[in-house]
């Protein structure tokens, strides 16, 4: 009788990258049987951001389908074109999920082996990670809630603007506390060219978050401030 290949266990962890200036959101890091096997072959790689783990399950980075999907599983803090990235092909086969056909476009040629996961465990872990908020710091919670509030309001579209991003602003890494800026949330939006504008105009808010007041109350106050008037009048032009 042919023995089936051994199955591994997937665990997804949210980690805030040390070099978060490119993307301040947490990466969703895959561990296989408890080990960070990707770090061994792509040490500078960062996994896809938690921002990509929203919406329907079929849009999540690691979702497996019967049609093989080649995905970038880690990339450098610069760009894949600059320093290379690690790719894997993910597919569903019966009651298993298979990771194989690895490709490392960095200078390191080592590659992980093939991994197989139980489909039920795999999909349950993806769903758990997508819903996980336990890793959030106050600035993360504030940025997430404020983004949801502003998107649902439709406020920027009313003024002919587009909400570009809402992201946490952390203390500067590696600097003494006296030299770090206050934690907060950055809100960026732009106005596309139109009949009354010759060029695209960019605007932003720098909002501060404290740790001695409920985040929800701070978000309500910040949203009220932004939604009180034409955002082009109250925001800073960039």
C-alpha atoms as a PDB file:
ATOM      1  CA  UNK A   1       0.000   0.000   0.000  1.00  0.00           C
ATOM      2  CA  UNK A   2       1.312   3.455  -0.954  1.00  0.00           C
ATOM      3  CA  UNK A   3       1.892   5.674   2.064  1.00  0.00           C
ATOM      4  CA  UNK A   4       0.553   9.205   1.758  1.00  0.00           C
ATOM      5  CA  UNK A   5       3.084  12.040   2.266  1.00  0.00           C
ATOM      6  CA  UNK A   6       3.264  13.466   5.783  1.00  0.00           C
ATOM      7  CA  UNK A   7       1.120  16.534   6.427  1.00  0.00           C
ATOM      8  CA  UNK A   8       2.435  19.757   7.935  1.00  0.00           C
ATOM      9  CA  UNK A   9       0.602  22.290  10.074  1.00  0.00           C
ATOM     10  CA  UNK A  10       0.305  25.920   8.994  1.00  0.00           C
ATOM     11  CA  UNK A  11       0.308  28.712  11.576  1.00  0.00           C
ATOM     12  CA  UNK A  12      -0.034  32.382  10.642  1.00  0.00           C
ATOM     13  CA  UNK A  13       1.409  35.092  12.882  1.00  0.00           C
ATOM     14  CA  UNK A  14       1.022  38.844  12.667  1.00  0.00           C
ATOM     15  CA  UNK A  15       4.371  40.600  13.000  1.00  0.00           C
ATOM     16  CA  UNK A  16       5.183  44.285  12.737  1.00  0.00           C
ATOM     17  CA  UNK A  17       8.265  44.511  10.488  1.00  0.00           C
ATOM     18  CA  UNK A  18      11.361  46.167  11.917  1.00  0.00           C
ATOM     19  CA  UNK A  19      11.600  48.264   8.763  1.00  0.00           C
ATOM     20  CA  UNK A  20       7.999  49.402   8.689  1.00  0.00           C
ATOM     21  CA  UNK A  21       8.582  52.698   6.868  1.00  0.00           C
ATOM     22  CA  UNK A  22       7.638  51.035   3.554  1.00  0.00           C
ATOM     23  CA  UNK A  23       4.488  49.441   4.969  1.00  0.00           C
ATOM     24  CA  UNK A  24       3.591  50.151   8.610  1.00  0.00           C
ATOM     25  CA  UNK A  25       1.015  47.363   8.778  1.00  0.00           C
ATOM     26  CA  UNK A  26       1.821  43.942  10.215  1.00  0.00           C
ATOM     27  CA  UNK A  27       2.901  41.158   7.917  1.00  0.00           C
ATOM     28  CA  UNK A  28       1.050  37.844   8.182  1.00  0.00           C
ATOM     29  CA  UNK A  29       3.949  35.440   8.552  1.00  0.00           C
ATOM     30  CA  UNK A  30       3.503  31.722   7.714  1.00  0.00           C
ATOM     31  CA  UNK A  31       5.100  29.211  10.078  1.00  0.00           C
ATOM     32  CA  UNK A  32       5.260  25.569   9.040  1.00  0.00           C
ATOM     33  CA  UNK A  33       5.242  23.050  11.863  1.00  0.00           C
ATOM     34  CA  UNK A  34       6.153  25.939  14.135  1.00  0.00           C
ATOM     35  CA  UNK A  35       9.287  26.898  12.186  1.00  0.00           C
ATOM     36  CA  UNK A  36       9.922  29.995  10.092  1.00  0.00           C
ATOM     37  CA  UNK A  37      11.283  27.992   7.159  1.00  0.00           C
ATOM     38  CA  UNK A  38      10.950  30.970   4.817  1.00  0.00           C
ATOM     39  CA  UNK A  39      13.440  33.024   6.820  1.00  0.00           C
ATOM     40  CA  UNK A  40      16.061  30.339   6.256  1.00  0.00           C
ATOM     41  CA  UNK A  41      15.954  30.791   2.476  1.00  0.00           C
ATOM     42  CA  UNK A  42      14.868  34.447   2.199  1.00  0.00           C
ATOM     43  CA  UNK A  43      16.107  36.123   5.407  1.00  0.00           C
ATOM     44  CA  UNK A  44      15.177  39.675   4.385  1.00  0.00           C
ATOM     45  CA  UNK A  45      11.740  38.756   3.098  1.00  0.00           C
ATOM     46  CA  UNK A  46       8.507  40.206   4.455  1.00  0.00           C
ATOM     47  CA  UNK A  47       5.226  38.325   4.083  1.00  0.00           C
ATOM     48  CA  UNK A  48       2.087  39.916   2.587  1.00  0.00           C
ATOM     49  CA  UNK A  49       0.558  42.696   4.679  1.00  0.00           C
ATOM     50  CA  UNK A  50      -2.516  42.174   6.813  1.00  0.00           C
ATOM     51  CA  UNK A  51      -4.187  44.787   4.604  1.00  0.00           C
ATOM     52  CA  UNK A  52      -4.497  42.037   1.995  1.00  0.00           C
ATOM     53  CA  UNK A  53      -6.347  39.750   4.407  1.00  0.00           C
ATOM     54  CA  UNK A  54      -9.652  41.597   4.121  1.00  0.00           C
ATOM     55  CA  UNK A  55     -12.666  40.962   1.953  1.00  0.00           C
ATOM     56  CA  UNK A  56     -13.824  37.542   0.743  1.00  0.00           C
ATOM     57  CA  UNK A  57     -11.704  34.436   1.392  1.00  0.00           C
ATOM     58  CA  UNK A  58     -10.944  33.928  -2.282  1.00  0.00           C
ATOM     59  CA  UNK A  59      -8.986  37.209  -2.288  1.00  0.00           C
ATOM     60  CA  UNK A  60      -6.641  36.280   0.593  1.00  0.00           C
ATOM     61  CA  UNK A  61      -2.977  35.808  -0.392  1.00  0.00           C
ATOM     62  CA  UNK A  62      -2.691  32.125   0.585  1.00  0.00           C
ATOM     63  CA  UNK A  63      -6.108  30.880  -0.493  1.00  0.00           C
ATOM     64  CA  UNK A  64      -5.785  27.544  -2.302  1.00  0.00           C
ATOM     65  CA  UNK A  65      -7.843  26.633  -5.359  1.00  0.00           C
ATOM     66  CA  UNK A  66      -7.793  23.681  -7.719  1.00  0.00           C
ATOM     67  CA  UNK A  67      -6.125  25.966 -10.249  1.00  0.00           C
ATOM     68  CA  UNK A  68      -2.454  26.378  -9.200  1.00  0.00           C
ATOM     69  CA  UNK A  69      -1.582  29.921  -8.090  1.00  0.00           C
ATOM     70  CA  UNK A  70       1.983  31.286  -8.149  1.00  0.00           C
ATOM     71  CA  UNK A  71       2.210  33.770  -5.290  1.00  0.00           C
ATOM     72  CA  UNK A  72       4.916  36.011  -3.870  1.00  0.00           C
ATOM     73  CA  UNK A  73       5.170  34.654  -0.353  1.00  0.00           C
ATOM     74  CA  UNK A  74       7.929  37.010   0.862  1.00  0.00           C
ATOM     75  CA  UNK A  75       9.463  40.122  -0.641  1.00  0.00           C
ATOM     76  CA  UNK A  76      12.228  42.510   0.485  1.00  0.00           C
ATOM     77  CA  UNK A  77      11.606  45.856   2.140  1.00  0.00           C
ATOM     78  CA  UNK A  78      12.591  47.543  -1.133  1.00  0.00           C
ATOM     79  CA  UNK A  79      11.055  45.786  -4.165  1.00  0.00           C
ATOM     80  CA  UNK A  80      11.127  42.313  -5.667  1.00  0.00           C
ATOM     81  CA  UNK A  81      12.759  43.740  -8.778  1.00  0.00           C
ATOM     82  CA  UNK A  82      15.567  45.175  -6.690  1.00  0.00           C
ATOM     83  CA  UNK A  83      16.564  42.382  -4.306  1.00  0.00           C
ATOM     84  CA  UNK A  84      14.472  39.413  -5.370  1.00  0.00           C
ATOM     85  CA  UNK A  85      11.528  37.639  -3.784  1.00  0.00           C
ATOM     86  CA  UNK A  86      10.398  34.154  -2.810  1.00  0.00           C
ATOM     87  CA  UNK A  87       7.550  32.556  -4.754  1.00  0.00           C
ATOM     88  CA  UNK A  88       5.564  29.373  -4.243  1.00  0.00           C
ATOM     89  CA  UNK A  89       2.810  27.632  -6.180  1.00  0.00           C
ATOM     90  CA  UNK A  90      -0.268  26.865  -4.068  1.00  0.00           C
ATOM     91  CA  UNK A  91      -2.972  24.454  -5.120  1.00  0.00           C
ATOM     92  CA  UNK A  92      -5.756  22.337  -3.657  1.00  0.00           C
ATOM     93  CA  UNK A  93      -5.727  18.631  -4.387  1.00  0.00           C
ATOM     94  CA  UNK A  94      -8.593  16.669  -2.852  1.00  0.00           C
ATOM     95  CA  UNK A  95      -8.483  17.131   0.902  1.00  0.00           C
ATOM     96  CA  UNK A  96      -4.960  18.570   0.857  1.00  0.00           C
ATOM     97  CA  UNK A  97      -3.226  21.859   0.051  1.00  0.00           C
ATOM     98  CA  UNK A  98       0.165  21.644  -1.639  1.00  0.00           C
ATOM     99  CA  UNK A  99       2.981  24.193  -1.688  1.00  0.00           C
ATOM    100  CA  UNK A 100       5.625  23.414  -4.302  1.00  0.00           C
ATOM    101  CA  UNK A 101       7.463  24.773  -7.371  1.00  0.00           C
ATOM    102  CA  UNK A 102       9.380  27.252  -5.203  1.00  0.00           C
ATOM    103  CA  UNK A 103      11.319  30.057  -6.881  1.00  0.00           C
ATOM    104  CA  UNK A 104      13.857  32.345  -5.222  1.00  0.00           C
ATOM    105  CA  UNK A 105      14.807  35.351  -7.367  1.00  0.00           C
ATOM    106  CA  UNK A 106      17.285  36.741  -4.823  1.00  0.00           C
ATOM    107  CA  UNK A 107      20.973  35.825  -4.745  1.00  0.00           C
ATOM    108  CA  UNK A 108      20.223  32.929  -2.387  1.00  0.00           C
ATOM    109  CA  UNK A 109      19.459  29.776  -4.331  1.00  0.00           C
ATOM    110  CA  UNK A 110      18.257  27.580  -1.436  1.00  0.00           C
ATOM    111  CA  UNK A 111      14.605  26.577  -1.628  1.00  0.00           C
ATOM    112  CA  UNK A 112      12.156  24.958   0.804  1.00  0.00           C
ATOM    113  CA  UNK A 113      10.853  21.473   0.168  1.00  0.00           C
ATOM    114  CA  UNK A 114       7.331  20.587  -0.877  1.00  0.00           C
ATOM    115  CA  UNK A 115       4.752  20.941   1.888  1.00  0.00           C
ATOM    116  CA  UNK A 116       1.317  19.387   2.190  1.00  0.00           C
ATOM    117  CA  UNK A 117      -1.422  20.541   4.559  1.00  0.00           C
ATOM    118  CA  UNK A 118      -4.777  19.182   5.598  1.00  0.00           C
ATOM    119  CA  UNK A 119      -7.363  21.292   3.759  1.00  0.00           C
ATOM    120  CA  UNK A 120      -9.682  21.740   6.757  1.00  0.00           C
ATOM    121  CA  UNK A 121      -6.848  22.831   9.089  1.00  0.00           C
ATOM    122  CA  UNK A 122      -5.393  25.080   6.407  1.00  0.00           C
ATOM    123  CA  UNK A 123      -8.623  26.927   5.643  1.00  0.00           C
ATOM    124  CA  UNK A 124      -9.486  27.255   9.340  1.00  0.00           C
ATOM    125  CA  UNK A 125      -6.103  28.864  10.006  1.00  0.00           C
ATOM    126  CA  UNK A 126      -6.544  31.327   7.144  1.00  0.00           C
ATOM    127  CA  UNK A 127      -9.952  32.345   8.496  1.00  0.00           C
ATOM    128  CA  UNK A 128      -8.601  32.679  12.045  1.00  0.00           C
ATOM    129  CA  UNK A 129      -5.710  34.884  10.919  1.00  0.00           C
ATOM    130  CA  UNK A 130      -7.964  37.101   8.794  1.00  0.00           C
ATOM    131  CA  UNK A 131     -10.152  37.782  11.835  1.00  0.00           C
ATOM    132  CA  UNK A 132      -7.295  38.109  14.361  1.00  0.00           C
ATOM    133  CA  UNK A 133      -7.037  41.501  16.082  1.00  0.00           C
ATOM    134  CA  UNK A 134      -5.063  40.396  19.149  1.00  0.00           C
ATOM    135  CA  UNK A 135      -1.781  41.676  17.699  1.00  0.00           C
ATOM    136  CA  UNK A 136      -2.992  45.250  17.263  1.00  0.00           C
ATOM    137  CA  UNK A 137      -1.481  48.148  19.130  1.00  0.00           C
ATOM    138  CA  UNK A 138      -3.655  51.250  19.745  1.00  0.00           C
ATOM    139  CA  UNK A 139      -2.422  52.908  16.535  1.00  0.00           C
ATOM    140  CA  UNK A 140      -3.350  49.812  14.512  1.00  0.00           C
ATOM    141  CA  UNK A 141      -6.839  49.639  15.985  1.00  0.00           C
ATOM    142  CA  UNK A 142      -7.328  53.366  15.450  1.00  0.00           C
ATOM    143  CA  UNK A 143      -6.179  53.212  11.824  1.00  0.00           C
ATOM    144  CA  UNK A 144      -8.431  50.237  11.067  1.00  0.00           C
ATOM    145  CA  UNK A 145     -11.529  51.749  12.687  1.00  0.00           C
ATOM    146  CA  UNK A 146     -10.954  55.197  11.208  1.00  0.00           C
ATOM    147  CA  UNK A 147     -10.477  53.717   7.735  1.00  0.00           C
ATOM    148  CA  UNK A 148     -13.759  51.800   8.061  1.00  0.00           C
ATOM    149  CA  UNK A 149     -15.588  54.930   9.241  1.00  0.00           C
ATOM    150  CA  UNK A 150     -14.259  57.139   6.453  1.00  0.00           C
ATOM    151  CA  UNK A 151     -14.909  54.577   3.715  1.00  0.00           C
ATOM    152  CA  UNK A 152     -18.462  53.966   4.895  1.00  0.00           C
ATOM    153  CA  UNK A 153     -19.166  57.707   5.050  1.00  0.00           C
ATOM    154  CA  UNK A 154     -18.506  58.392   1.359  1.00  0.00           C
ATOM    155  CA  UNK A 155     -17.335  61.827   2.538  1.00  0.00           C
ATOM    156  CA  UNK A 156     -14.362  62.266   0.218  1.00  0.00           C
ATOM    157  CA  UNK A 157     -16.305  61.379  -2.917  1.00  0.00           C
ATOM    158  CA  UNK A 158     -18.784  64.106  -1.997  1.00  0.00           C
ATOM    159  CA  UNK A 159     -16.004  66.668  -2.425  1.00  0.00           C
ATOM    160  CA  UNK A 160     -14.564  65.136  -5.572  1.00  0.00           C
ATOM    161  CA  UNK A 161     -11.716  63.468  -3.675  1.00  0.00           C
ATOM    162  CA  UNK A 162     -10.390  59.932  -3.264  1.00  0.00           C
ATOM    163  CA  UNK A 163      -9.294  58.435   0.053  1.00  0.00           C
ATOM    164  CA  UNK A 164      -5.815  57.068  -0.692  1.00  0.00           C
ATOM    165  CA  UNK A 165      -4.879  55.378   2.570  1.00  0.00           C
ATOM    166  CA  UNK A 166      -5.244  55.370   6.332  1.00  0.00           C
ATOM    167  CA  UNK A 167      -2.229  53.917   8.126  1.00  0.00           C
ATOM    168  CA  UNK A 168      -0.681  53.742  11.592  1.00  0.00           C
ATOM    169  CA  UNK A 169       2.265  55.997  12.364  1.00  0.00           C
ATOM    170  CA  UNK A 170       4.648  54.388  14.833  1.00  0.00           C
ATOM    171  CA  UNK A 171       7.538  55.737  16.838  1.00  0.00           C
ATOM    172  CA  UNK A 172      10.704  55.945  14.756  1.00  0.00           C
ATOM    173  CA  UNK A 173      12.673  52.692  15.199  1.00  0.00           C
ATOM    174  CA  UNK A 174      16.161  52.911  16.650  1.00  0.00           C
ATOM    175  CA  UNK A 175      15.833  56.471  17.960  1.00  0.00           C
ATOM    176  CA  UNK A 176      15.895  57.551  21.629  1.00  0.00           C
ATOM    177  CA  UNK A 177      12.462  58.209  23.089  1.00  0.00           C
ATOM    178  CA  UNK A 178      13.158  61.959  23.263  1.00  0.00           C
ATOM    179  CA  UNK A 179      13.610  62.084  19.481  1.00  0.00           C
ATOM    180  CA  UNK A 180      10.680  59.939  18.400  1.00  0.00           C
ATOM    181  CA  UNK A 181       7.518  61.482  17.064  1.00  0.00           C
ATOM    182  CA  UNK A 182       4.140  60.828  18.656  1.00  0.00           C
ATOM    183  CA  UNK A 183       2.220  57.751  17.588  1.00  0.00           C
ATOM    184  CA  UNK A 184      -0.825  58.334  15.488  1.00  0.00           C
ATOM    185  CA  UNK A 185      -2.655  57.792  12.236  1.00  0.00           C
ATOM    186  CA  UNK A 186      -1.933  59.245   8.813  1.00  0.00           C
ATOM    187  CA  UNK A 187      -4.848  59.915   6.481  1.00  0.00           C
ATOM    188  CA  UNK A 188      -4.019  60.611   2.845  1.00  0.00           C
ATOM    189  CA  UNK A 189      -6.397  61.604   0.051  1.00  0.00           C
ATOM    190  CA  UNK A 190      -6.192  63.318  -3.305  1.00  0.00           C
ATOM    191  CA  UNK A 191      -8.301  65.325  -5.695  1.00  0.00           C
ATOM    192  CA  UNK A 192      -8.142  64.150  -9.279  1.00  0.00           C
ATOM    193  CA  UNK A 193      -7.855  66.726 -12.077  1.00  0.00           C
ATOM    194  CA  UNK A 194     -11.200  68.052 -13.247  1.00  0.00           C
ATOM    195  CA  UNK A 195     -12.900  71.093 -14.760  1.00  0.00           C
ATOM    196  CA  UNK A 196     -11.770  73.269 -11.854  1.00  0.00           C
ATOM    197  CA  UNK A 197      -8.302  71.773 -11.306  1.00  0.00           C
ATOM    198  CA  UNK A 198      -5.379  71.470 -13.699  1.00  0.00           C
ATOM    199  CA  UNK A 199      -3.392  68.885 -11.755  1.00  0.00           C
ATOM    200  CA  UNK A 200      -3.876  66.254  -9.082  1.00  0.00           C
ATOM    201  CA  UNK A 201      -3.676  67.673  -5.562  1.00  0.00           C
ATOM    202  CA  UNK A 202      -2.655  65.616  -2.528  1.00  0.00           C
ATOM    203  CA  UNK A 203      -3.727  66.227   1.073  1.00  0.00           C
ATOM    204  CA  UNK A 204      -3.141  64.623   4.430  1.00  0.00           C
ATOM    205  CA  UNK A 205      -3.961  64.612   8.127  1.00  0.00           C
ATOM    206  CA  UNK A 206      -1.530  63.711  10.910  1.00  0.00           C
ATOM    207  CA  UNK A 207      -3.640  62.570  13.834  1.00  0.00           C
ATOM    208  CA  UNK A 208      -2.339  61.653  17.285  1.00  0.00           C
ATOM    209  CA  UNK A 209      -3.302  58.683  19.453  1.00  0.00           C
ATOM    210  CA  UNK A 210      -2.829  58.418  23.220  1.00  0.00           C
ATOM    211  CA  UNK A 211      -2.717  55.274  25.338  1.00  0.00           C
ATOM    212  CA  UNK A 212      -4.699  56.675  28.257  1.00  0.00           C
ATOM    213  CA  UNK A 213      -8.073  56.973  26.500  1.00  0.00           C
ATOM    214  CA  UNK A 214     -10.269  54.340  24.787  1.00  0.00           C
ATOM    215  CA  UNK A 215      -9.331  54.034  21.119  1.00  0.00           C
ATOM    216  CA  UNK A 216     -12.961  54.000  20.007  1.00  0.00           C
ATOM    217  CA  UNK A 217     -13.587  57.390  21.602  1.00  0.00           C
ATOM    218  CA  UNK A 218     -10.498  58.860  19.969  1.00  0.00           C
ATOM    219  CA  UNK A 219     -11.543  57.511  16.574  1.00  0.00           C
ATOM    220  CA  UNK A 220     -15.022  58.995  16.946  1.00  0.00           C
ATOM    221  CA  UNK A 221     -13.520  62.395  17.735  1.00  0.00           C
ATOM    222  CA  UNK A 222     -11.045  62.190  14.834  1.00  0.00           C
ATOM    223  CA  UNK A 223     -13.760  61.164  12.393  1.00  0.00           C
ATOM    224  CA  UNK A 224     -16.000  64.017  13.550  1.00  0.00           C
ATOM    225  CA  UNK A 225     -13.160  66.448  12.931  1.00  0.00           C
ATOM    226  CA  UNK A 226     -12.561  65.209   9.386  1.00  0.00           C
ATOM    227  CA  UNK A 227     -16.240  64.952   8.463  1.00  0.00           C
ATOM    228  CA  UNK A 228     -17.151  68.402   9.769  1.00  0.00           C
ATOM    229  CA  UNK A 229     -16.157  70.353   6.661  1.00  0.00           C
ATOM    230  CA  UNK A 230     -14.654  70.190   3.189  1.00  0.00           C
ATOM    231  CA  UNK A 231     -11.498  68.099   3.814  1.00  0.00           C
ATOM    232  CA  UNK A 232      -9.533  70.210   1.352  1.00  0.00           C
ATOM    233  CA  UNK A 233      -9.908  73.132   3.765  1.00  0.00           C
ATOM    234  CA  UNK A 234      -8.960  71.321   6.966  1.00  0.00           C
ATOM    235  CA  UNK A 235      -6.177  68.998   5.755  1.00  0.00           C
ATOM    236  CA  UNK A 236      -2.592  69.887   4.947  1.00  0.00           C
ATOM    237  CA  UNK A 237      -1.773  70.068   1.260  1.00  0.00           C
ATOM    238  CA  UNK A 238       1.225  67.901   0.313  1.00  0.00           C
END
